[in-house]
């Protein structure tokens, strides 16, 4: 195992142990330190993936080589976002700001929408890419095409979430009006009236 991979796995494993021990024995600082170590290990794997263009946390060399290049960079961006979120959670818990931050995100969900959208978009791009691996007509029909379609859905959904997050951040009032309009349109009674207004041939 490479030294960097050993450090990444060690940080995550030690962090998990610290979380369990801190929770079991009521060691508040140990619990927060464990969360920080988990996030640091994930973020370090993301930095490795982006800088080396080789995906971190891949056990087999064959699987690692199949995702060298652009897929590794996308994978690294996902890990960086997740690791940064976990580290931020550790700091918020340590400073007693977790609940107030959750309340703020309920009122202003723009950053949460953007972060989740970025992860979904990256995952969608990974599913749409065709890394060096198995080939063949049946493999393409049964695996690659469904995986690409799922990736396209995730990519479009992620980009939509990013756009909504940016909209909420820069124009919260317009975003709230949009949500109210959507809720009104998705109201069961409104949907029922829309369905009855359709000029269906059997009516």
C-alpha atoms as a PDB file:
ATOM      1  CA  UNK A   1       0.000   0.000   0.000  1.00  0.00           C
ATOM      2  CA  UNK A   2       1.278   3.442  -0.885  1.00  0.00           C
ATOM      3  CA  UNK A   3       2.177   5.795   1.975  1.00  0.00           C
ATOM      4  CA  UNK A   4      -0.442   8.378   1.001  1.00  0.00           C
ATOM      5  CA  UNK A   5      -3.174   5.732   0.828  1.00  0.00           C
ATOM      6  CA  UNK A   6      -2.062   4.433   4.222  1.00  0.00           C
ATOM      7  CA  UNK A   7      -2.405   7.939   5.691  1.00  0.00           C
ATOM      8  CA  UNK A   8      -5.858   8.391   4.149  1.00  0.00           C
ATOM      9  CA  UNK A   9      -7.166   5.056   5.406  1.00  0.00           C
ATOM     10  CA  UNK A  10      -5.536   5.544   8.806  1.00  0.00           C
ATOM     11  CA  UNK A  11      -7.191   8.951   9.261  1.00  0.00           C
ATOM     12  CA  UNK A  12     -10.609   7.514   8.414  1.00  0.00           C
ATOM     13  CA  UNK A  13     -10.212   4.393  10.584  1.00  0.00           C
ATOM     14  CA  UNK A  14      -8.853   6.345  13.560  1.00  0.00           C
ATOM     15  CA  UNK A  15     -11.631   8.882  13.081  1.00  0.00           C
ATOM     16  CA  UNK A  16     -14.311   6.171  13.145  1.00  0.00           C
ATOM     17  CA  UNK A  17     -12.783   4.694  16.316  1.00  0.00           C
ATOM     18  CA  UNK A  18     -12.664   8.151  17.919  1.00  0.00           C
ATOM     19  CA  UNK A  19     -16.318   8.762  17.036  1.00  0.00           C
ATOM     20  CA  UNK A  20     -17.385   5.427  18.559  1.00  0.00           C
ATOM     21  CA  UNK A  21     -15.277   5.878  21.699  1.00  0.00           C
ATOM     22  CA  UNK A  22     -16.307   9.515  22.088  1.00  0.00           C
ATOM     23  CA  UNK A  23     -19.985   8.640  21.725  1.00  0.00           C
ATOM     24  CA  UNK A  24     -19.762   5.646  24.069  1.00  0.00           C
ATOM     25  CA  UNK A  25     -17.814   7.397  26.842  1.00  0.00           C
ATOM     26  CA  UNK A  26     -19.325  10.845  26.342  1.00  0.00           C
ATOM     27  CA  UNK A  27     -16.035  12.399  25.200  1.00  0.00           C
ATOM     28  CA  UNK A  28     -17.316  15.399  23.271  1.00  0.00           C
ATOM     29  CA  UNK A  29     -13.944  16.551  21.959  1.00  0.00           C
ATOM     30  CA  UNK A  30     -12.985  13.027  20.951  1.00  0.00           C
ATOM     31  CA  UNK A  31     -16.214  12.692  18.988  1.00  0.00           C
ATOM     32  CA  UNK A  32     -15.587  15.963  17.162  1.00  0.00           C
ATOM     33  CA  UNK A  33     -11.952  15.047  16.507  1.00  0.00           C
ATOM     34  CA  UNK A  34     -13.067  11.753  15.004  1.00  0.00           C
ATOM     35  CA  UNK A  35     -15.426  13.499  12.590  1.00  0.00           C
ATOM     36  CA  UNK A  36     -12.627  15.890  11.628  1.00  0.00           C
ATOM     37  CA  UNK A  37     -10.223  13.004  10.942  1.00  0.00           C
ATOM     38  CA  UNK A  38     -12.788  11.243   8.764  1.00  0.00           C
ATOM     39  CA  UNK A  39     -13.309  14.391   6.727  1.00  0.00           C
ATOM     40  CA  UNK A  40      -9.569  15.018   6.507  1.00  0.00           C
ATOM     41  CA  UNK A  41      -8.944  11.496   5.205  1.00  0.00           C
ATOM     42  CA  UNK A  42     -11.648  11.845   2.562  1.00  0.00           C
ATOM     43  CA  UNK A  43     -10.419  15.312   1.512  1.00  0.00           C
ATOM     44  CA  UNK A  44      -6.832  14.066   1.310  1.00  0.00           C
ATOM     45  CA  UNK A  45      -8.003  11.314  -1.030  1.00  0.00           C
ATOM     46  CA  UNK A  46      -9.705  13.970  -3.129  1.00  0.00           C
ATOM     47  CA  UNK A  47      -6.525  16.038  -3.336  1.00  0.00           C
ATOM     48  CA  UNK A  48      -4.575  12.948  -4.363  1.00  0.00           C
ATOM     49  CA  UNK A  49      -7.097  12.109  -7.098  1.00  0.00           C
ATOM     50  CA  UNK A  50      -7.131  15.628  -8.528  1.00  0.00           C
ATOM     51  CA  UNK A  51      -3.344  16.102  -8.433  1.00  0.00           C
ATOM     52  CA  UNK A  52      -2.240  12.646  -9.608  1.00  0.00           C
ATOM     53  CA  UNK A  53      -5.187  11.927 -11.967  1.00  0.00           C
ATOM     54  CA  UNK A  54      -5.449   8.524 -10.294  1.00  0.00           C
ATOM     55  CA  UNK A  55      -8.504   7.708  -8.152  1.00  0.00           C
ATOM     56  CA  UNK A  56      -8.001   7.293  -4.427  1.00  0.00           C
ATOM     57  CA  UNK A  57      -9.614   4.505  -2.350  1.00  0.00           C
ATOM     58  CA  UNK A  58      -9.570   2.021  -5.247  1.00  0.00           C
ATOM     59  CA  UNK A  59      -8.362  -1.333  -3.947  1.00  0.00           C
ATOM     60  CA  UNK A  60      -7.494  -3.142  -7.176  1.00  0.00           C
ATOM     61  CA  UNK A  61      -4.864  -1.826  -9.570  1.00  0.00           C
ATOM     62  CA  UNK A  62      -7.085  -2.795 -12.516  1.00  0.00           C
ATOM     63  CA  UNK A  63      -9.975  -0.704 -11.252  1.00  0.00           C
ATOM     64  CA  UNK A  64      -7.617   2.145 -10.421  1.00  0.00           C
ATOM     65  CA  UNK A  65      -6.063   2.165 -13.887  1.00  0.00           C
ATOM     66  CA  UNK A  66      -9.495   2.044 -15.545  1.00  0.00           C
ATOM     67  CA  UNK A  67     -10.394   5.424 -14.040  1.00  0.00           C
ATOM     68  CA  UNK A  68      -7.118   7.256 -14.659  1.00  0.00           C
ATOM     69  CA  UNK A  69      -7.468  10.759 -16.100  1.00  0.00           C
ATOM     70  CA  UNK A  70     -10.703  12.742 -16.228  1.00  0.00           C
ATOM     71  CA  UNK A  71     -12.752  10.225 -14.171  1.00  0.00           C
ATOM     72  CA  UNK A  72     -10.153  10.453 -11.387  1.00  0.00           C
ATOM     73  CA  UNK A  73     -10.390  14.262 -11.357  1.00  0.00           C
ATOM     74  CA  UNK A  74     -14.194  14.102 -11.155  1.00  0.00           C
ATOM     75  CA  UNK A  75     -13.918  11.506  -8.381  1.00  0.00           C
ATOM     76  CA  UNK A  76     -11.462  13.764  -6.569  1.00  0.00           C
ATOM     77  CA  UNK A  77     -13.817  16.757  -6.762  1.00  0.00           C
ATOM     78  CA  UNK A  78     -16.562  14.650  -5.199  1.00  0.00           C
ATOM     79  CA  UNK A  79     -14.258  13.555  -2.393  1.00  0.00           C
ATOM     80  CA  UNK A  80     -13.112  17.134  -1.773  1.00  0.00           C
ATOM     81  CA  UNK A  81     -16.689  18.389  -1.466  1.00  0.00           C
ATOM     82  CA  UNK A  82     -17.687  15.552   0.867  1.00  0.00           C
ATOM     83  CA  UNK A  83     -14.508  15.852   2.939  1.00  0.00           C
ATOM     84  CA  UNK A  84     -14.886  19.627   3.271  1.00  0.00           C
ATOM     85  CA  UNK A  85     -18.510  19.196   4.382  1.00  0.00           C
ATOM     86  CA  UNK A  86     -17.509  16.653   7.041  1.00  0.00           C
ATOM     87  CA  UNK A  87     -14.692  18.895   8.314  1.00  0.00           C
ATOM     88  CA  UNK A  88     -17.087  21.857   8.446  1.00  0.00           C
ATOM     89  CA  UNK A  89     -19.546  19.705  10.406  1.00  0.00           C
ATOM     90  CA  UNK A  90     -16.811  18.879  12.931  1.00  0.00           C
ATOM     91  CA  UNK A  91     -16.043  22.570  13.475  1.00  0.00           C
ATOM     92  CA  UNK A  92     -19.727  23.472  13.774  1.00  0.00           C
ATOM     93  CA  UNK A  93     -20.316  20.725  16.335  1.00  0.00           C
ATOM     94  CA  UNK A  94     -17.244  21.764  18.325  1.00  0.00           C
ATOM     95  CA  UNK A  95     -18.300  25.422  18.412  1.00  0.00           C
ATOM     96  CA  UNK A  96     -21.933  24.616  19.216  1.00  0.00           C
ATOM     97  CA  UNK A  97     -23.183  26.067  15.925  1.00  0.00           C
ATOM     98  CA  UNK A  98     -24.652  22.897  14.409  1.00  0.00           C
ATOM     99  CA  UNK A  99     -28.314  23.558  15.193  1.00  0.00           C
ATOM    100  CA  UNK A 100     -28.161  27.246  14.270  1.00  0.00           C
ATOM    101  CA  UNK A 101     -26.473  26.337  10.973  1.00  0.00           C
ATOM    102  CA  UNK A 102     -29.189  23.773  10.207  1.00  0.00           C
ATOM    103  CA  UNK A 103     -31.825  26.403  10.935  1.00  0.00           C
ATOM    104  CA  UNK A 104     -30.071  28.832   8.593  1.00  0.00           C
ATOM    105  CA  UNK A 105     -29.875  26.218   5.846  1.00  0.00           C
ATOM    106  CA  UNK A 106     -33.583  25.522   6.194  1.00  0.00           C
ATOM    107  CA  UNK A 107     -34.254  29.195   5.560  1.00  0.00           C
ATOM    108  CA  UNK A 108     -31.495  29.689   2.986  1.00  0.00           C
ATOM    109  CA  UNK A 109     -30.773  26.296   1.363  1.00  0.00           C
ATOM    110  CA  UNK A 110     -28.677  27.708  -1.493  1.00  0.00           C
ATOM    111  CA  UNK A 111     -25.270  26.345  -0.342  1.00  0.00           C
ATOM    112  CA  UNK A 112     -26.792  22.941   0.446  1.00  0.00           C
ATOM    113  CA  UNK A 113     -28.470  22.771  -2.965  1.00  0.00           C
ATOM    114  CA  UNK A 114     -25.244  23.778  -4.691  1.00  0.00           C
ATOM    115  CA  UNK A 115     -23.089  21.255  -2.830  1.00  0.00           C
ATOM    116  CA  UNK A 116     -25.508  18.349  -3.303  1.00  0.00           C
ATOM    117  CA  UNK A 117     -25.986  19.339  -6.929  1.00  0.00           C
ATOM    118  CA  UNK A 118     -22.243  19.333  -7.534  1.00  0.00           C
ATOM    119  CA  UNK A 119     -21.897  15.843  -6.066  1.00  0.00           C
ATOM    120  CA  UNK A 120     -24.848  14.563  -8.114  1.00  0.00           C
ATOM    121  CA  UNK A 121     -23.484  16.134 -11.307  1.00  0.00           C
ATOM    122  CA  UNK A 122     -20.031  14.631 -10.738  1.00  0.00           C
ATOM    123  CA  UNK A 123     -21.537  11.208 -10.050  1.00  0.00           C
ATOM    124  CA  UNK A 124     -23.622  11.515 -13.212  1.00  0.00           C
ATOM    125  CA  UNK A 125     -20.543  12.360 -15.274  1.00  0.00           C
ATOM    126  CA  UNK A 126     -18.719   9.360 -13.816  1.00  0.00           C
ATOM    127  CA  UNK A 127     -21.582   7.062 -14.799  1.00  0.00           C
ATOM    128  CA  UNK A 128     -21.703   8.511 -18.307  1.00  0.00           C
ATOM    129  CA  UNK A 129     -17.987   8.076 -18.926  1.00  0.00           C
ATOM    130  CA  UNK A 130     -16.779   4.791 -20.358  1.00  0.00           C
ATOM    131  CA  UNK A 131     -13.562   3.841 -18.557  1.00  0.00           C
ATOM    132  CA  UNK A 132     -11.242   1.243 -19.950  1.00  0.00           C
ATOM    133  CA  UNK A 133     -12.878  -2.048 -19.059  1.00  0.00           C
ATOM    134  CA  UNK A 134     -15.250  -4.700 -20.374  1.00  0.00           C
ATOM    135  CA  UNK A 135     -16.585  -4.410 -23.928  1.00  0.00           C
ATOM    136  CA  UNK A 136     -19.149  -6.237 -25.989  1.00  0.00           C
ATOM    137  CA  UNK A 137     -22.687  -5.836 -27.317  1.00  0.00           C
ATOM    138  CA  UNK A 138     -24.462  -7.424 -24.344  1.00  0.00           C
ATOM    139  CA  UNK A 139     -22.367  -5.500 -21.831  1.00  0.00           C
ATOM    140  CA  UNK A 140     -23.149  -2.276 -23.670  1.00  0.00           C
ATOM    141  CA  UNK A 141     -26.880  -3.034 -23.863  1.00  0.00           C
ATOM    142  CA  UNK A 142     -27.378  -4.271 -20.301  1.00  0.00           C
ATOM    143  CA  UNK A 143     -24.844  -2.186 -18.377  1.00  0.00           C
ATOM    144  CA  UNK A 144     -23.359   0.767 -20.216  1.00  0.00           C
ATOM    145  CA  UNK A 145     -26.571   2.197 -21.704  1.00  0.00           C
ATOM    146  CA  UNK A 146     -28.649   2.010 -18.468  1.00  0.00           C
ATOM    147  CA  UNK A 147     -25.694   3.394 -16.521  1.00  0.00           C
ATOM    148  CA  UNK A 148     -25.303   6.261 -18.996  1.00  0.00           C
ATOM    149  CA  UNK A 149     -29.032   7.066 -18.805  1.00  0.00           C
ATOM    150  CA  UNK A 150     -28.905   7.112 -15.002  1.00  0.00           C
ATOM    151  CA  UNK A 151     -25.817   9.300 -15.222  1.00  0.00           C
ATOM    152  CA  UNK A 152     -27.621  11.719 -17.537  1.00  0.00           C
ATOM    153  CA  UNK A 153     -30.517  11.996 -15.076  1.00  0.00           C
ATOM    154  CA  UNK A 154     -28.111  12.659 -12.198  1.00  0.00           C
ATOM    155  CA  UNK A 155     -26.143  15.182 -14.260  1.00  0.00           C
ATOM    156  CA  UNK A 156     -29.248  17.148 -15.261  1.00  0.00           C
ATOM    157  CA  UNK A 157     -30.623  16.962 -11.731  1.00  0.00           C
ATOM    158  CA  UNK A 158     -27.304  18.109 -10.280  1.00  0.00           C
ATOM    159  CA  UNK A 159     -27.016  21.037 -12.677  1.00  0.00           C
ATOM    160  CA  UNK A 160     -30.601  22.001 -11.872  1.00  0.00           C
ATOM    161  CA  UNK A 161     -29.826  21.913  -8.136  1.00  0.00           C
ATOM    162  CA  UNK A 162     -26.713  24.049  -8.680  1.00  0.00           C
ATOM    163  CA  UNK A 163     -28.759  26.597 -10.659  1.00  0.00           C
ATOM    164  CA  UNK A 164     -31.472  26.647  -7.986  1.00  0.00           C
ATOM    165  CA  UNK A 165     -28.850  27.070  -5.278  1.00  0.00           C
ATOM    166  CA  UNK A 166     -27.279  30.008  -7.082  1.00  0.00           C
ATOM    167  CA  UNK A 167     -30.717  31.511  -7.648  1.00  0.00           C
ATOM    168  CA  UNK A 168     -31.612  31.165  -3.968  1.00  0.00           C
ATOM    169  CA  UNK A 169     -28.293  32.701  -2.932  1.00  0.00           C
ATOM    170  CA  UNK A 170     -28.511  35.770  -5.169  1.00  0.00           C
ATOM    171  CA  UNK A 171     -32.301  36.230  -5.302  1.00  0.00           C
ATOM    172  CA  UNK A 172     -33.943  34.599  -2.258  1.00  0.00           C
ATOM    173  CA  UNK A 173     -37.258  36.392  -2.763  1.00  0.00           C
ATOM    174  CA  UNK A 174     -37.545  35.270  -6.368  1.00  0.00           C
ATOM    175  CA  UNK A 175     -36.660  31.727  -5.306  1.00  0.00           C
ATOM    176  CA  UNK A 176     -39.370  31.769  -2.631  1.00  0.00           C
ATOM    177  CA  UNK A 177     -41.936  32.990  -5.172  1.00  0.00           C
ATOM    178  CA  UNK A 178     -40.883  30.166  -7.495  1.00  0.00           C
ATOM    179  CA  UNK A 179     -41.359  27.596  -4.710  1.00  0.00           C
ATOM    180  CA  UNK A 180     -44.796  28.969  -3.839  1.00  0.00           C
ATOM    181  CA  UNK A 181     -45.838  28.805  -7.499  1.00  0.00           C
ATOM    182  CA  UNK A 182     -44.563  25.235  -7.792  1.00  0.00           C
ATOM    183  CA  UNK A 183     -46.397  24.180  -4.623  1.00  0.00           C
ATOM    184  CA  UNK A 184     -49.588  25.747  -5.942  1.00  0.00           C
ATOM    185  CA  UNK A 185     -49.242  23.941  -9.270  1.00  0.00           C
ATOM    186  CA  UNK A 186     -48.499  20.615  -7.563  1.00  0.00           C
ATOM    187  CA  UNK A 187     -51.489  20.919  -5.239  1.00  0.00           C
ATOM    188  CA  UNK A 188     -53.724  17.823  -5.674  1.00  0.00           C
ATOM    189  CA  UNK A 189     -56.794  19.950  -6.338  1.00  0.00           C
ATOM    190  CA  UNK A 190     -54.941  22.003  -8.955  1.00  0.00           C
ATOM    191  CA  UNK A 191     -53.683  18.815 -10.597  1.00  0.00           C
ATOM    192  CA  UNK A 192     -57.222  17.457 -10.591  1.00  0.00           C
ATOM    193  CA  UNK A 193     -58.563  20.574 -12.299  1.00  0.00           C
ATOM    194  CA  UNK A 194     -55.750  20.401 -14.858  1.00  0.00           C
ATOM    195  CA  UNK A 195     -56.526  16.750 -15.575  1.00  0.00           C
ATOM    196  CA  UNK A 196     -60.229  17.474 -16.051  1.00  0.00           C
ATOM    197  CA  UNK A 197     -59.419  20.327 -18.434  1.00  0.00           C
ATOM    198  CA  UNK A 198     -57.461  18.089 -20.802  1.00  0.00           C
ATOM    199  CA  UNK A 199     -59.321  17.421 -24.088  1.00  0.00           C
ATOM    200  CA  UNK A 200     -59.092  13.648 -23.851  1.00  0.00           C
ATOM    201  CA  UNK A 201     -60.827  11.741 -26.710  1.00  0.00           C
ATOM    202  CA  UNK A 202     -62.803   9.367 -24.449  1.00  0.00           C
ATOM    203  CA  UNK A 203     -64.559  12.202 -22.625  1.00  0.00           C
END
